[in-house]
Amino acid sequence: MALFSSTFVNKVDRKGRVSVPATFRAELASQVVAGVVAFRSMKYPALDASGYDRLEDITQRLDELPEFSDERDALASVLADAQQMTFDSEGRITLPQALAEHAGITENVAFVGVGRTFQLWEPQRYQTHRDEMREMARLRNLTLPPRGNSK
């Protein structure tokens, strides 16, 4: 599975196209579909994004929930919202308007690596979010779990 780190801010052109950072494209190169899958974040005014393999993983995990349960139905809304965006010849994707509006993305977009996935943010919103998360980690004295407790 891919690993995404760092933050990159790229310009969105008037057609809604944006260049995906080269390091992210390299991580996505081995995917079944050459591109990005994104959906509205359930928690933030941002987009959660990954390669197609992550969408397959979400689907498999949803299949473990009881069919027709409220939990499964609520979480499956992610699949209905997911948009596949293939790379053009220049490594760009076109952001669907509904997704861009959810995240407040207009002129620039921040690609934020968060491990196995990444997020797309309006850059100023991301700076505020990043500062809030760092302050929360500091105030709560949050640390990573010890090795061997991975899921």
N, C-alpha and C. Protein backbone atom coordinates (compact mmCIF):
# COMPACT_ATOMS: atom_id res chain seq x y z
N MET A 1 0.85 -1.18 0.00
CA MET A 1 0.00 0.00 0.00
C MET A 1 0.90 1.24 0.00
N ALA A 2 0.43 2.29 -0.60
CA ALA A 2 1.19 3.53 -0.75
C ALA A 2 1.40 4.22 0.60
N LEU A 3 2.39 5.10 0.62
CA LEU A 3 2.68 5.90 1.81
C LEU A 3 2.87 7.35 1.37
N PHE A 4 2.06 8.25 1.94
CA PHE A 4 2.08 9.66 1.55
C PHE A 4 2.54 10.52 2.73
N SER A 5 3.50 11.40 2.45
CA SER A 5 3.98 12.33 3.48
C SER A 5 4.27 13.68 2.83
N SER A 6 4.43 14.67 3.65
CA SER A 6 4.72 16.05 3.25
C SER A 6 3.46 16.79 2.82
N THR A 7 3.63 18.09 2.63
CA THR A 7 2.54 18.95 2.19
C THR A 7 3.02 19.74 0.98
N PHE A 8 2.19 19.77 -0.05
CA PHE A 8 2.49 20.49 -1.29
C PHE A 8 1.30 21.36 -1.63
N VAL A 9 1.56 22.60 -2.01
CA VAL A 9 0.49 23.50 -2.44
C VAL A 9 0.65 23.74 -3.94
N ASN A 10 -0.38 23.42 -4.69
CA ASN A 10 -0.37 23.59 -6.14
C ASN A 10 -1.54 24.44 -6.59
N LYS A 11 -1.35 25.11 -7.71
CA LYS A 11 -2.36 26.00 -8.28
C LYS A 11 -3.42 25.19 -9.02
N VAL A 12 -4.66 25.61 -8.88
CA VAL A 12 -5.78 25.04 -9.63
C VAL A 12 -6.04 25.96 -10.82
N ASP A 13 -6.05 25.40 -12.04
CA ASP A 13 -6.30 26.26 -13.20
C ASP A 13 -7.79 26.54 -13.37
N ARG A 14 -8.14 27.37 -14.32
CA ARG A 14 -9.53 27.79 -14.47
C ARG A 14 -10.47 26.65 -14.88
N LYS A 15 -9.91 25.54 -15.37
CA LYS A 15 -10.72 24.37 -15.72
C LYS A 15 -10.83 23.38 -14.56
N GLY A 16 -10.26 23.74 -13.40
CA GLY A 16 -10.31 22.86 -12.24
C GLY A 16 -9.24 21.80 -12.21
N ARG A 17 -8.24 21.94 -13.07
CA ARG A 17 -7.16 20.96 -13.11
C ARG A 17 -6.05 21.36 -12.15
N VAL A 18 -5.44 20.36 -11.55
CA VAL A 18 -4.33 20.60 -10.63
C VAL A 18 -3.32 19.47 -10.79
N SER A 19 -2.06 19.83 -10.73
CA SER A 19 -0.99 18.85 -10.82
C SER A 19 -0.83 18.13 -9.49
N VAL A 20 -0.87 16.81 -9.53
CA VAL A 20 -0.65 16.00 -8.33
C VAL A 20 0.86 15.97 -8.09
N PRO A 21 1.30 16.19 -6.85
CA PRO A 21 2.75 16.19 -6.58
C PRO A 21 3.41 14.92 -7.10
N ALA A 22 4.60 15.06 -7.65
CA ALA A 22 5.32 13.93 -8.26
C ALA A 22 5.50 12.77 -7.28
N THR A 23 5.80 13.06 -6.02
CA THR A 23 6.00 11.97 -5.06
C THR A 23 4.69 11.21 -4.82
N PHE A 24 3.57 11.91 -4.85
CA PHE A 24 2.27 11.24 -4.69
C PHE A 24 1.97 10.40 -5.93
N ARG A 25 2.23 10.97 -7.12
CA ARG A 25 2.01 10.21 -8.36
C ARG A 25 2.83 8.93 -8.38
N ALA A 26 4.07 9.01 -7.90
CA ALA A 26 4.93 7.83 -7.86
C ALA A 26 4.32 6.75 -6.97
N GLU A 27 3.75 7.15 -5.85
CA GLU A 27 3.12 6.18 -4.94
C GLU A 27 1.86 5.58 -5.57
N LEU A 28 1.19 6.34 -6.41
CA LEU A 28 -0.06 5.89 -7.03
C LEU A 28 0.17 5.11 -8.32
N ALA A 29 1.40 5.06 -8.80
CA ALA A 29 1.71 4.46 -10.10
C ALA A 29 1.36 2.98 -10.18
N SER A 30 1.44 2.26 -9.08
CA SER A 30 1.20 0.82 -9.10
C SER A 30 -0.28 0.44 -8.94
N GLN A 31 -1.14 1.42 -8.89
CA GLN A 31 -2.56 1.17 -8.68
C GLN A 31 -3.23 0.59 -9.92
N VAL A 32 -4.35 -0.06 -9.71
CA VAL A 32 -5.14 -0.62 -10.81
C VAL A 32 -5.60 0.50 -11.74
N VAL A 33 -6.02 1.62 -11.17
CA VAL A 33 -6.45 2.78 -11.94
C VAL A 33 -5.43 3.89 -11.69
N ALA A 34 -4.83 4.42 -12.73
CA ALA A 34 -3.81 5.46 -12.60
C ALA A 34 -4.49 6.79 -12.30
N GLY A 35 -4.55 7.13 -11.04
CA GLY A 35 -5.18 8.38 -10.65
C GLY A 35 -5.46 8.42 -9.17
N VAL A 36 -6.42 9.25 -8.82
CA VAL A 36 -6.76 9.53 -7.42
C VAL A 36 -8.24 9.22 -7.21
N VAL A 37 -8.56 8.67 -6.06
CA VAL A 37 -9.95 8.53 -5.63
C VAL A 37 -10.12 9.46 -4.44
N ALA A 38 -11.14 10.32 -4.48
CA ALA A 38 -11.36 11.28 -3.39
C ALA A 38 -12.84 11.33 -3.03
N PHE A 39 -13.08 11.66 -1.76
CA PHE A 39 -14.45 11.87 -1.29
C PHE A 39 -14.41 12.90 -0.17
N ARG A 40 -15.58 13.48 0.12
CA ARG A 40 -15.66 14.49 1.18
C ARG A 40 -15.29 13.85 2.52
N SER A 41 -14.43 14.51 3.25
CA SER A 41 -14.07 14.04 4.58
C SER A 41 -15.30 14.01 5.48
N MET A 42 -15.40 12.98 6.30
CA MET A 42 -16.50 12.87 7.25
C MET A 42 -16.29 13.80 8.44
N LYS A 43 -15.05 14.29 8.62
CA LYS A 43 -14.73 15.09 9.81
C LYS A 43 -14.38 16.55 9.52
N TYR A 44 -13.81 16.82 8.36
CA TYR A 44 -13.23 18.12 8.12
C TYR A 44 -13.71 18.74 6.80
N PRO A 45 -13.52 20.04 6.63
CA PRO A 45 -13.83 20.68 5.35
C PRO A 45 -12.67 20.42 4.37
N ALA A 46 -12.51 19.16 4.03
CA ALA A 46 -11.39 18.71 3.20
C ALA A 46 -11.83 17.48 2.43
N LEU A 47 -10.95 17.00 1.56
CA LEU A 47 -11.20 15.77 0.83
C LEU A 47 -10.24 14.70 1.30
N ASP A 48 -10.74 13.50 1.51
CA ASP A 48 -9.88 12.35 1.79
C ASP A 48 -9.58 11.70 0.45
N ALA A 49 -8.32 11.35 0.22
CA ALA A 49 -7.92 10.84 -1.08
C ALA A 49 -6.91 9.71 -0.94
N SER A 50 -6.84 8.90 -1.98
CA SER A 50 -5.92 7.77 -2.00
C SER A 50 -5.91 7.20 -3.40
N GLY A 51 -5.31 6.02 -3.51
CA GLY A 51 -5.39 5.26 -4.74
C GLY A 51 -6.61 4.36 -4.69
N TYR A 52 -6.87 3.70 -5.80
CA TYR A 52 -8.04 2.84 -5.92
C TYR A 52 -8.01 1.69 -4.91
N ASP A 53 -6.81 1.22 -4.52
CA ASP A 53 -6.72 0.10 -3.58
C ASP A 53 -7.36 0.44 -2.23
N ARG A 54 -7.30 1.67 -1.84
CA ARG A 54 -7.91 2.09 -0.57
C ARG A 54 -9.43 1.99 -0.65
N LEU A 55 -10.00 2.32 -1.79
CA LEU A 55 -11.44 2.19 -1.98
C LEU A 55 -11.86 0.72 -1.91
N GLU A 56 -11.04 -0.14 -2.48
CA GLU A 56 -11.31 -1.58 -2.39
C GLU A 56 -11.25 -2.04 -0.93
N ASP A 57 -10.29 -1.54 -0.17
CA ASP A 57 -10.17 -1.88 1.25
C ASP A 57 -11.40 -1.42 2.03
N ILE A 58 -11.85 -0.20 1.77
CA ILE A 58 -13.05 0.32 2.45
C ILE A 58 -14.25 -0.57 2.13
N THR A 59 -14.38 -0.96 0.87
CA THR A 59 -15.49 -1.81 0.47
C THR A 59 -15.45 -3.16 1.19
N GLN A 60 -14.28 -3.76 1.27
CA GLN A 60 -14.14 -5.04 1.97
C GLN A 60 -14.50 -4.91 3.44
N ARG A 61 -14.09 -3.83 4.05
CA ARG A 61 -14.38 -3.62 5.47
C ARG A 61 -15.86 -3.34 5.69
N LEU A 62 -16.50 -2.62 4.76
CA LEU A 62 -17.94 -2.41 4.84
C LEU A 62 -18.70 -3.73 4.74
N ASP A 63 -18.19 -4.64 3.91
CA ASP A 63 -18.84 -5.94 3.73
C ASP A 63 -18.81 -6.79 5.00
N GLU A 64 -17.96 -6.42 5.96
CA GLU A 64 -17.91 -7.14 7.23
C GLU A 64 -19.00 -6.69 8.20
N LEU A 65 -19.63 -5.56 7.91
CA LEU A 65 -20.72 -5.05 8.74
C LEU A 65 -22.03 -5.72 8.34
N PRO A 66 -22.97 -5.83 9.27
CA PRO A 66 -24.26 -6.45 8.94
C PRO A 66 -24.96 -5.70 7.81
N GLU A 67 -25.40 -6.47 6.82
CA GLU A 67 -26.09 -5.87 5.69
C GLU A 67 -27.36 -5.19 6.17
N PHE A 68 -27.65 -4.02 5.64
CA PHE A 68 -28.82 -3.20 5.96
C PHE A 68 -28.75 -2.55 7.35
N SER A 69 -27.61 -2.65 8.03
CA SER A 69 -27.49 -2.00 9.34
C SER A 69 -27.29 -0.51 9.15
N ASP A 70 -27.69 0.27 10.15
CA ASP A 70 -27.51 1.72 10.08
C ASP A 70 -26.03 2.07 9.95
N GLU A 71 -25.18 1.37 10.67
CA GLU A 71 -23.74 1.64 10.62
C GLU A 71 -23.19 1.44 9.21
N ARG A 72 -23.55 0.32 8.59
CA ARG A 72 -23.07 0.05 7.23
C ARG A 72 -23.63 1.09 6.25
N ASP A 73 -24.92 1.38 6.35
CA ASP A 73 -25.52 2.34 5.43
C ASP A 73 -24.89 3.72 5.55
N ALA A 74 -24.64 4.15 6.79
CA ALA A 74 -24.05 5.47 7.00
C ALA A 74 -22.62 5.53 6.45
N LEU A 75 -21.84 4.52 6.72
CA LEU A 75 -20.45 4.52 6.27
C LEU A 75 -20.33 4.28 4.77
N ALA A 76 -21.28 3.56 4.18
CA ALA A 76 -21.25 3.31 2.74
C ALA A 76 -21.50 4.57 1.94
N SER A 77 -21.99 5.62 2.59
CA SER A 77 -22.19 6.88 1.87
C SER A 77 -20.88 7.40 1.29
N VAL A 78 -19.77 6.98 1.86
CA VAL A 78 -18.45 7.35 1.32
C VAL A 78 -18.31 6.84 -0.11
N LEU A 79 -18.77 5.63 -0.37
CA LEU A 79 -18.64 5.06 -1.71
C LEU A 79 -19.45 5.85 -2.73
N ALA A 80 -20.65 6.27 -2.33
CA ALA A 80 -21.49 7.04 -3.25
C ALA A 80 -20.87 8.39 -3.57
N ASP A 81 -20.09 8.91 -2.64
CA ASP A 81 -19.48 10.22 -2.77
C ASP A 81 -18.12 10.17 -3.50
N ALA A 82 -17.50 8.99 -3.55
CA ALA A 82 -16.14 8.86 -4.09
C ALA A 82 -16.10 9.17 -5.59
N GLN A 83 -15.10 9.92 -5.97
CA GLN A 83 -14.88 10.29 -7.38
C GLN A 83 -13.50 9.80 -7.82
N GLN A 84 -13.46 9.10 -8.94
CA GLN A 84 -12.19 8.68 -9.51
C GLN A 84 -11.72 9.75 -10.49
N MET A 85 -10.50 10.18 -10.32
CA MET A 85 -9.92 11.20 -11.19
C MET A 85 -8.63 10.65 -11.78
N THR A 86 -8.63 10.37 -13.07
CA THR A 86 -7.44 9.82 -13.70
C THR A 86 -6.47 10.93 -14.06
N PHE A 87 -5.20 10.56 -14.14
CA PHE A 87 -4.16 11.52 -14.51
C PHE A 87 -4.23 11.82 -16.00
N ASP A 88 -4.02 13.09 -16.35
CA ASP A 88 -3.86 13.41 -17.76
C ASP A 88 -2.38 13.23 -18.12
N SER A 89 -2.00 13.56 -19.34
CA SER A 89 -0.63 13.34 -19.79
C SER A 89 0.40 14.16 -19.02
N GLU A 90 -0.06 15.20 -18.30
CA GLU A 90 0.85 16.05 -17.53
C GLU A 90 0.79 15.77 -16.03
N GLY A 91 0.11 14.69 -15.62
CA GLY A 91 0.03 14.33 -14.21
C GLY A 91 -0.98 15.14 -13.43
N ARG A 92 -1.95 15.71 -14.13
CA ARG A 92 -2.97 16.51 -13.48
C ARG A 92 -4.25 15.69 -13.33
N ILE A 93 -5.07 16.12 -12.36
CA ILE A 93 -6.43 15.61 -12.21
C ILE A 93 -7.36 16.81 -12.30
N THR A 94 -8.62 16.55 -12.60
CA THR A 94 -9.62 17.60 -12.59
C THR A 94 -10.51 17.40 -11.38
N LEU A 95 -10.53 18.40 -10.50
CA LEU A 95 -11.35 18.30 -9.28
C LEU A 95 -12.82 18.53 -9.62
N PRO A 96 -13.68 17.58 -9.27
CA PRO A 96 -15.11 17.81 -9.48
C PRO A 96 -15.57 19.01 -8.65
N GLN A 97 -16.45 19.80 -9.22
CA GLN A 97 -16.89 21.03 -8.57
C GLN A 97 -17.48 20.79 -7.18
N ALA A 98 -18.29 19.75 -7.02
CA ALA A 98 -18.92 19.48 -5.72
C ALA A 98 -17.87 19.20 -4.65
N LEU A 99 -16.81 18.46 -5.02
CA LEU A 99 -15.76 18.17 -4.04
C LEU A 99 -14.97 19.43 -3.72
N ALA A 100 -14.64 20.21 -4.75
CA ALA A 100 -13.89 21.45 -4.53
C ALA A 100 -14.68 22.39 -3.63
N GLU A 101 -15.98 22.49 -3.86
CA GLU A 101 -16.83 23.38 -3.04
C GLU A 101 -16.85 22.91 -1.58
N HIS A 102 -16.96 21.61 -1.36
CA HIS A 102 -16.96 21.09 0.02
C HIS A 102 -15.71 21.53 0.77
N ALA A 103 -14.57 21.48 0.10
CA ALA A 103 -13.30 21.81 0.74
C ALA A 103 -12.95 23.29 0.62
N GLY A 104 -13.76 24.08 -0.07
CA GLY A 104 -13.46 25.50 -0.24
C GLY A 104 -12.25 25.74 -1.13
N ILE A 105 -11.95 24.78 -2.00
CA ILE A 105 -10.79 24.89 -2.88
C ILE A 105 -11.17 25.72 -4.11
N THR A 106 -10.39 26.78 -4.34
CA THR A 106 -10.64 27.63 -5.51
C THR A 106 -9.36 27.80 -6.31
N GLU A 107 -8.43 28.59 -5.82
CA GLU A 107 -7.22 28.92 -6.57
C GLU A 107 -6.05 27.98 -6.32
N ASN A 108 -5.93 27.49 -5.09
CA ASN A 108 -4.82 26.61 -4.71
C ASN A 108 -5.36 25.45 -3.89
N VAL A 109 -4.61 24.36 -3.90
CA VAL A 109 -4.97 23.20 -3.10
C VAL A 109 -3.72 22.67 -2.41
N ALA A 110 -3.88 22.33 -1.14
CA ALA A 110 -2.79 21.71 -0.38
C ALA A 110 -3.00 20.20 -0.40
N PHE A 111 -2.01 19.48 -0.90
CA PHE A 111 -1.98 18.02 -0.85
C PHE A 111 -1.24 17.67 0.44
N VAL A 112 -1.92 17.01 1.36
CA VAL A 112 -1.37 16.75 2.69
C VAL A 112 -1.25 15.25 2.90
N GLY A 113 -0.03 14.76 2.96
CA GLY A 113 0.19 13.33 3.22
C GLY A 113 -0.11 13.00 4.66
N VAL A 114 -0.92 11.96 4.86
CA VAL A 114 -1.27 11.53 6.22
C VAL A 114 -1.07 10.02 6.37
N GLY A 115 -0.02 9.50 5.73
CA GLY A 115 0.29 8.08 5.87
C GLY A 115 -0.20 7.29 4.67
N ARG A 116 -1.12 6.38 4.89
CA ARG A 116 -1.63 5.52 3.82
C ARG A 116 -2.58 6.26 2.88
N THR A 117 -2.99 7.47 3.28
CA THR A 117 -3.88 8.29 2.46
C THR A 117 -3.34 9.71 2.45
N PHE A 118 -4.05 10.58 1.74
CA PHE A 118 -3.71 12.00 1.79
C PHE A 118 -5.01 12.78 1.75
N GLN A 119 -4.88 14.07 2.03
CA GLN A 119 -6.04 14.94 2.04
C GLN A 119 -5.79 16.12 1.11
N LEU A 120 -6.88 16.71 0.62
CA LEU A 120 -6.82 17.93 -0.17
C LEU A 120 -7.56 19.00 0.60
N TRP A 121 -6.88 20.12 0.83
CA TRP A 121 -7.39 21.22 1.64
C TRP A 121 -7.24 22.54 0.90
N GLU A 122 -8.07 23.49 1.24
CA GLU A 122 -7.81 24.88 0.91
C GLU A 122 -6.64 25.26 1.81
N PRO A 123 -5.56 25.81 1.29
CA PRO A 123 -4.33 26.00 2.07
C PRO A 123 -4.49 26.74 3.40
N GLN A 124 -5.24 27.84 3.45
CA GLN A 124 -5.41 28.57 4.71
C GLN A 124 -6.17 27.73 5.73
N ARG A 125 -7.21 27.04 5.28
CA ARG A 125 -7.96 26.15 6.18
C ARG A 125 -7.03 25.08 6.74
N TYR A 126 -6.14 24.56 5.87
CA TYR A 126 -5.24 23.52 6.36
C TYR A 126 -4.28 24.06 7.41
N GLN A 127 -3.75 25.25 7.20
CA GLN A 127 -2.84 25.83 8.20
C GLN A 127 -3.52 25.95 9.55
N THR A 128 -4.75 26.40 9.55
CA THR A 128 -5.51 26.52 10.81
C THR A 128 -5.71 25.14 11.42
N HIS A 129 -6.12 24.18 10.62
CA HIS A 129 -6.34 22.80 11.10
C HIS A 129 -5.04 22.22 11.66
N ARG A 130 -3.94 22.37 10.91
CA ARG A 130 -2.65 21.83 11.36
C ARG A 130 -2.27 22.42 12.72
N ASP A 131 -2.42 23.73 12.87
CA ASP A 131 -2.08 24.38 14.14
C ASP A 131 -2.96 23.87 15.27
N GLU A 132 -4.26 23.69 15.00
CA GLU A 132 -5.18 23.16 16.02
C GLU A 132 -4.80 21.74 16.43
N MET A 133 -4.45 20.89 15.45
CA MET A 133 -4.09 19.51 15.75
C MET A 133 -2.79 19.44 16.55
N ARG A 134 -1.83 20.26 16.19
CA ARG A 134 -0.57 20.28 16.95
C ARG A 134 -0.80 20.74 18.39
N GLU A 135 -1.65 21.74 18.55
CA GLU A 135 -1.96 22.23 19.90
C GLU A 135 -2.69 21.15 20.69
N MET A 136 -3.61 20.44 20.06
CA MET A 136 -4.30 19.35 20.75
C MET A 136 -3.31 18.28 21.19
N ALA A 137 -2.40 17.90 20.29
CA ALA A 137 -1.40 16.89 20.64
C ALA A 137 -0.54 17.35 21.81
N ARG A 138 -0.18 18.63 21.81
CA ARG A 138 0.65 19.16 22.89
C ARG A 138 -0.11 19.17 24.21
N LEU A 139 -1.34 19.70 24.18
CA LEU A 139 -2.13 19.81 25.41
C LEU A 139 -2.49 18.46 26.00
N ARG A 140 -2.77 17.50 25.15
CA ARG A 140 -3.16 16.17 25.63
C ARG A 140 -1.97 15.24 25.81
N ASN A 141 -0.77 15.74 25.49
CA ASN A 141 0.45 14.95 25.59
C ASN A 141 0.32 13.64 24.81
N LEU A 142 -0.20 13.76 23.58
CA LEU A 142 -0.44 12.58 22.75
C LEU A 142 0.88 12.01 22.24
N THR A 143 0.95 10.69 22.18
CA THR A 143 2.13 10.01 21.65
C THR A 143 1.66 8.84 20.78
N LEU A 144 2.57 8.32 19.99
CA LEU A 144 2.27 7.16 19.18
C LEU A 144 2.23 5.91 20.06
N PRO A 145 1.43 4.90 19.70
CA PRO A 145 1.45 3.67 20.48
C PRO A 145 2.78 2.97 20.31
N PRO A 146 3.17 2.14 21.28
CA PRO A 146 4.44 1.42 21.13
C PRO A 146 4.39 0.47 19.95
N ARG A 147 5.54 0.16 19.40
CA ARG A 147 5.61 -0.81 18.29
C ARG A 147 5.00 -2.14 18.72
N GLY A 148 4.40 -2.83 17.75
CA GLY A 148 3.79 -4.11 18.05
C GLY A 148 2.30 -4.03 18.31
N ASN A 149 1.77 -2.81 18.41
CA ASN A 149 0.34 -2.62 18.64
C ASN A 149 -0.35 -2.16 17.36
N SER A 150 0.21 -2.47 16.21
CA SER A 150 -0.37 -1.98 14.95
C SER A 150 -1.63 -2.76 14.61
N LYS A 151 -2.48 -2.07 13.84
CA LYS A 151 -3.74 -2.70 13.41
C LYS A 151 -3.65 -3.10 11.98
